[in-house]
Amino acid sequence: MVRLGKKQGIKKGFVAQYNSGLIGRVENVGTTTSQILLLTDYASRVPVLVGDKRYLGIAVGDNAPLLKLTALPEGANVEVGDYVMTSGHAGVYPPGLA
């Protein structure tokens, strides 16, 4: 829950970021508070591009500190530390968010 809501112009579907990284999206909005669906939530699925070759995959939350990558192309060479960004597919998140 965050202490920003309709009074501050927050709307359902807004992107939630911390520093320069994506943490989720606004799921419910009250007058002065909002509920965020975190990327790490088990209900979260985000189309992403991974690494220099920009492999298309899905970042999946499972209530753990780290996301899991699924649906990567066969033979995709993905390593710890590869840059992951939103792909923009599905229209939930804009492309290019870390």
N, C-alpha and C. Protein backbone atom coordinates (compact mmCIF):
# COMPACT_ATOMS: atom_id res chain seq x y z
N MET A 1 0.85 -1.17 0.00
CA MET A 1 0.00 0.00 0.00
C MET A 1 0.90 1.23 0.00
N VAL A 2 0.54 2.21 -0.81
CA VAL A 2 1.27 3.47 -0.83
C VAL A 2 0.32 4.61 -0.45
N ARG A 3 0.86 5.67 0.06
CA ARG A 3 0.04 6.79 0.52
C ARG A 3 -0.18 7.82 -0.58
N LEU A 4 -0.60 7.36 -1.71
CA LEU A 4 -0.99 8.21 -2.83
C LEU A 4 -2.25 7.59 -3.42
N GLY A 5 -3.21 8.44 -3.75
CA GLY A 5 -4.46 7.92 -4.30
C GLY A 5 -5.09 8.88 -5.28
N LYS A 6 -6.42 8.79 -5.42
CA LYS A 6 -7.15 9.62 -6.37
C LYS A 6 -6.90 11.11 -6.15
N LYS A 7 -6.78 11.50 -4.89
CA LYS A 7 -6.51 12.90 -4.56
C LYS A 7 -5.22 13.41 -5.19
N GLN A 8 -4.26 12.52 -5.36
CA GLN A 8 -2.98 12.88 -5.94
C GLN A 8 -2.90 12.55 -7.44
N GLY A 9 -4.00 12.15 -8.04
CA GLY A 9 -4.03 11.87 -9.47
C GLY A 9 -3.65 10.46 -9.87
N ILE A 10 -3.54 9.56 -8.91
CA ILE A 10 -3.16 8.17 -9.19
C ILE A 10 -4.35 7.43 -9.80
N LYS A 11 -4.08 6.58 -10.80
CA LYS A 11 -5.12 5.80 -11.45
C LYS A 11 -4.70 4.34 -11.56
N LYS A 12 -5.70 3.46 -11.60
CA LYS A 12 -5.45 2.04 -11.78
C LYS A 12 -4.68 1.83 -13.08
N GLY A 13 -3.66 0.98 -13.02
CA GLY A 13 -2.84 0.69 -14.19
C GLY A 13 -1.57 1.50 -14.29
N PHE A 14 -1.43 2.54 -13.46
CA PHE A 14 -0.19 3.31 -13.47
C PHE A 14 0.98 2.41 -13.12
N VAL A 15 2.14 2.71 -13.68
CA VAL A 15 3.38 1.99 -13.40
C VAL A 15 3.91 2.44 -12.05
N ALA A 16 4.41 1.49 -11.26
CA ALA A 16 5.05 1.80 -9.98
C ALA A 16 6.54 1.53 -10.11
N GLN A 17 7.34 2.56 -9.86
CA GLN A 17 8.79 2.43 -9.97
C GLN A 17 9.45 2.89 -8.69
N TYR A 18 10.64 2.34 -8.42
CA TYR A 18 11.46 2.79 -7.32
C TYR A 18 12.83 3.06 -7.90
N ASN A 19 13.35 4.26 -7.66
CA ASN A 19 14.56 4.73 -8.35
C ASN A 19 14.30 4.60 -9.84
N SER A 20 15.07 3.82 -10.56
CA SER A 20 14.83 3.70 -12.00
C SER A 20 14.33 2.31 -12.39
N GLY A 21 13.88 1.53 -11.39
CA GLY A 21 13.44 0.17 -11.68
C GLY A 21 11.96 -0.03 -11.46
N LEU A 22 11.37 -0.84 -12.31
CA LEU A 22 9.96 -1.19 -12.22
C LEU A 22 9.73 -2.10 -11.02
N ILE A 23 8.70 -1.81 -10.22
CA ILE A 23 8.36 -2.69 -9.11
C ILE A 23 6.96 -3.28 -9.24
N GLY A 24 6.12 -2.70 -10.11
CA GLY A 24 4.77 -3.23 -10.29
C GLY A 24 3.85 -2.22 -10.92
N ARG A 25 2.55 -2.41 -10.67
CA ARG A 25 1.54 -1.49 -11.21
C ARG A 25 0.43 -1.28 -10.19
N VAL A 26 -0.22 -0.14 -10.31
CA VAL A 26 -1.32 0.19 -9.40
C VAL A 26 -2.51 -0.70 -9.74
N GLU A 27 -2.99 -1.42 -8.75
CA GLU A 27 -4.08 -2.36 -8.94
C GLU A 27 -5.42 -1.82 -8.41
N ASN A 28 -5.38 -1.14 -7.28
CA ASN A 28 -6.58 -0.55 -6.67
C ASN A 28 -6.24 0.85 -6.17
N VAL A 29 -7.20 1.77 -6.31
CA VAL A 29 -6.96 3.15 -5.91
C VAL A 29 -8.08 3.62 -4.99
N GLY A 30 -7.67 4.16 -3.84
CA GLY A 30 -8.61 4.80 -2.93
C GLY A 30 -8.40 6.30 -2.98
N THR A 31 -9.03 7.01 -2.10
CA THR A 31 -8.92 8.47 -2.09
C THR A 31 -7.50 8.93 -1.79
N THR A 32 -6.85 8.30 -0.81
CA THR A 32 -5.50 8.73 -0.42
C THR A 32 -4.47 7.61 -0.40
N THR A 33 -4.86 6.39 -0.77
CA THR A 33 -3.92 5.27 -0.81
C THR A 33 -4.17 4.43 -2.07
N SER A 34 -3.15 3.66 -2.44
CA SER A 34 -3.26 2.76 -3.59
C SER A 34 -2.59 1.43 -3.26
N GLN A 35 -3.06 0.39 -3.90
CA GLN A 35 -2.48 -0.94 -3.73
C GLN A 35 -1.68 -1.27 -4.99
N ILE A 36 -0.46 -1.75 -4.80
CA ILE A 36 0.44 -2.08 -5.90
C ILE A 36 0.55 -3.60 -6.04
N LEU A 37 0.39 -4.09 -7.27
CA LEU A 37 0.69 -5.50 -7.56
C LEU A 37 2.18 -5.55 -7.89
N LEU A 38 2.97 -6.11 -6.99
CA LEU A 38 4.42 -6.17 -7.18
C LEU A 38 4.79 -7.20 -8.23
N LEU A 39 5.90 -6.97 -8.91
CA LEU A 39 6.39 -7.93 -9.90
C LEU A 39 6.66 -9.29 -9.28
N THR A 40 7.02 -9.30 -8.01
CA THR A 40 7.35 -10.55 -7.33
C THR A 40 6.12 -11.32 -6.85
N ASP A 41 4.93 -10.73 -6.98
CA ASP A 41 3.69 -11.39 -6.56
C ASP A 41 3.43 -12.61 -7.45
N TYR A 42 2.89 -13.67 -6.87
CA TYR A 42 2.61 -14.89 -7.63
C TYR A 42 1.64 -14.66 -8.79
N ALA A 43 0.87 -13.58 -8.75
CA ALA A 43 -0.09 -13.27 -9.82
C ALA A 43 0.52 -12.43 -10.94
N SER A 44 1.79 -12.07 -10.82
CA SER A 44 2.43 -11.18 -11.78
C SER A 44 3.11 -11.96 -12.92
N ARG A 45 2.81 -11.53 -14.14
CA ARG A 45 3.44 -12.07 -15.35
C ARG A 45 3.73 -10.88 -16.26
N VAL A 46 4.99 -10.71 -16.66
CA VAL A 46 5.36 -9.54 -17.46
C VAL A 46 6.20 -9.97 -18.67
N PRO A 47 5.76 -9.64 -19.88
CA PRO A 47 6.59 -9.91 -21.05
C PRO A 47 7.85 -9.04 -21.01
N VAL A 48 9.00 -9.67 -21.21
CA VAL A 48 10.28 -8.96 -21.10
C VAL A 48 11.22 -9.31 -22.25
N LEU A 49 12.22 -8.46 -22.42
CA LEU A 49 13.33 -8.72 -23.32
C LEU A 49 14.57 -8.90 -22.45
N VAL A 50 15.39 -9.91 -22.77
CA VAL A 50 16.51 -10.28 -21.90
C VAL A 50 17.82 -10.25 -22.67
N GLY A 51 18.83 -9.61 -22.08
CA GLY A 51 20.18 -9.63 -22.61
C GLY A 51 20.37 -8.82 -23.88
N ASP A 52 21.61 -8.86 -24.38
CA ASP A 52 21.97 -8.12 -25.59
C ASP A 52 21.20 -8.57 -26.82
N LYS A 53 20.83 -9.84 -26.85
CA LYS A 53 20.09 -10.36 -28.01
C LYS A 53 18.59 -10.15 -27.89
N ARG A 54 18.18 -9.60 -26.75
CA ARG A 54 16.77 -9.27 -26.50
C ARG A 54 15.83 -10.46 -26.72
N TYR A 55 16.15 -11.55 -26.06
CA TYR A 55 15.28 -12.71 -26.10
C TYR A 55 13.94 -12.36 -25.47
N LEU A 56 12.85 -12.71 -26.12
CA LEU A 56 11.53 -12.46 -25.56
C LEU A 56 11.19 -13.58 -24.58
N GLY A 57 10.77 -13.21 -23.40
CA GLY A 57 10.38 -14.17 -22.38
C GLY A 57 9.33 -13.56 -21.47
N ILE A 58 9.05 -14.26 -20.39
CA ILE A 58 8.08 -13.77 -19.42
C ILE A 58 8.72 -13.82 -18.03
N ALA A 59 8.68 -12.68 -17.33
CA ALA A 59 9.15 -12.63 -15.94
C ALA A 59 7.96 -12.99 -15.06
N VAL A 60 8.16 -13.99 -14.23
CA VAL A 60 7.09 -14.55 -13.41
C VAL A 60 7.42 -14.36 -11.94
N GLY A 61 6.47 -13.84 -11.18
CA GLY A 61 6.64 -13.71 -9.74
C GLY A 61 6.14 -14.96 -9.03
N ASP A 62 6.75 -15.27 -7.89
CA ASP A 62 6.27 -16.41 -7.10
C ASP A 62 6.41 -16.13 -5.60
N ASN A 63 6.27 -14.86 -5.24
CA ASN A 63 6.38 -14.39 -3.85
C ASN A 63 7.78 -14.58 -3.28
N ALA A 64 8.77 -14.74 -4.12
CA ALA A 64 10.16 -14.83 -3.70
C ALA A 64 10.85 -13.50 -4.07
N PRO A 65 12.03 -13.25 -3.54
CA PRO A 65 12.71 -11.98 -3.83
C PRO A 65 13.10 -11.79 -5.30
N LEU A 66 13.31 -12.89 -6.02
CA LEU A 66 13.74 -12.79 -7.41
C LEU A 66 12.66 -13.32 -8.36
N LEU A 67 12.61 -12.74 -9.55
CA LEU A 67 11.67 -13.21 -10.58
C LEU A 67 12.26 -14.42 -11.29
N LYS A 68 11.39 -15.20 -11.90
CA LYS A 68 11.83 -16.32 -12.73
C LYS A 68 11.54 -15.95 -14.18
N LEU A 69 12.41 -16.41 -15.09
CA LEU A 69 12.19 -16.19 -16.51
C LEU A 69 11.68 -17.47 -17.14
N THR A 70 10.57 -17.36 -17.87
CA THR A 70 10.00 -18.51 -18.56
C THR A 70 9.74 -18.13 -20.01
N ALA A 71 9.36 -19.13 -20.79
CA ALA A 71 8.97 -18.96 -22.19
C ALA A 71 10.07 -18.34 -23.04
N LEU A 72 11.32 -18.56 -22.65
CA LEU A 72 12.43 -18.09 -23.46
C LEU A 72 12.59 -19.00 -24.68
N PRO A 73 13.12 -18.49 -25.78
CA PRO A 73 13.33 -19.35 -26.95
C PRO A 73 14.30 -20.49 -26.63
N GLU A 74 14.09 -21.60 -27.28
CA GLU A 74 14.99 -22.74 -27.10
C GLU A 74 16.41 -22.31 -27.48
N GLY A 75 17.37 -22.65 -26.62
CA GLY A 75 18.76 -22.31 -26.87
C GLY A 75 19.16 -20.90 -26.46
N ALA A 76 18.26 -20.17 -25.84
CA ALA A 76 18.59 -18.81 -25.40
C ALA A 76 19.71 -18.87 -24.36
N ASN A 77 20.72 -18.07 -24.57
CA ASN A 77 21.87 -18.03 -23.66
C ASN A 77 21.68 -16.86 -22.70
N VAL A 78 21.04 -17.13 -21.57
CA VAL A 78 20.75 -16.11 -20.57
C VAL A 78 21.60 -16.37 -19.35
N GLU A 79 22.23 -15.32 -18.83
CA GLU A 79 23.11 -15.45 -17.67
C GLU A 79 22.71 -14.48 -16.58
N VAL A 80 23.07 -14.80 -15.35
CA VAL A 80 22.86 -13.89 -14.23
C VAL A 80 23.54 -12.57 -14.57
N GLY A 81 22.83 -11.48 -14.37
CA GLY A 81 23.39 -10.16 -14.65
C GLY A 81 22.95 -9.59 -15.98
N ASP A 82 22.32 -10.40 -16.83
CA ASP A 82 21.80 -9.88 -18.11
C ASP A 82 20.73 -8.84 -17.82
N TYR A 83 20.71 -7.80 -18.64
CA TYR A 83 19.72 -6.73 -18.49
C TYR A 83 18.35 -7.25 -18.90
N VAL A 84 17.35 -6.94 -18.09
CA VAL A 84 15.97 -7.36 -18.37
C VAL A 84 15.11 -6.09 -18.41
N MET A 85 14.30 -5.96 -19.49
CA MET A 85 13.41 -4.81 -19.60
C MET A 85 12.06 -5.24 -20.15
N THR A 86 11.06 -4.44 -19.85
CA THR A 86 9.72 -4.74 -20.36
C THR A 86 9.73 -4.67 -21.88
N SER A 87 8.94 -5.56 -22.50
CA SER A 87 8.88 -5.61 -23.96
C SER A 87 7.77 -4.73 -24.53
N GLY A 88 6.78 -4.44 -23.71
CA GLY A 88 5.63 -3.68 -24.21
C GLY A 88 4.53 -4.57 -24.75
N HIS A 89 4.79 -5.86 -24.93
CA HIS A 89 3.76 -6.79 -25.38
C HIS A 89 2.66 -6.86 -24.32
N ALA A 90 1.47 -7.07 -24.71
CA ALA A 90 0.28 -7.18 -23.85
C ALA A 90 -0.24 -5.83 -23.40
N GLY A 91 0.51 -4.75 -23.63
CA GLY A 91 0.02 -3.41 -23.36
C GLY A 91 -0.12 -3.02 -21.90
N VAL A 92 0.38 -3.82 -20.97
CA VAL A 92 0.26 -3.51 -19.55
C VAL A 92 1.36 -2.53 -19.14
N TYR A 93 2.59 -2.79 -19.56
CA TYR A 93 3.71 -1.93 -19.26
C TYR A 93 4.29 -1.37 -20.56
N PRO A 94 4.77 -0.13 -20.55
CA PRO A 94 5.43 0.39 -21.75
C PRO A 94 6.76 -0.33 -21.96
N PRO A 95 7.27 -0.36 -23.18
CA PRO A 95 8.55 -1.02 -23.44
C PRO A 95 9.72 -0.25 -22.83
N GLY A 96 10.77 -1.01 -22.47
CA GLY A 96 12.03 -0.41 -22.07
C GLY A 96 12.22 -0.11 -20.60
N LEU A 97 11.28 -0.53 -19.74
CA LEU A 97 11.46 -0.30 -18.30
C LEU A 97 12.33 -1.39 -17.70
N ALA A 98 13.34 -0.97 -16.92
CA ALA A 98 14.25 -1.94 -16.28
C ALA A 98 13.54 -2.72 -15.20
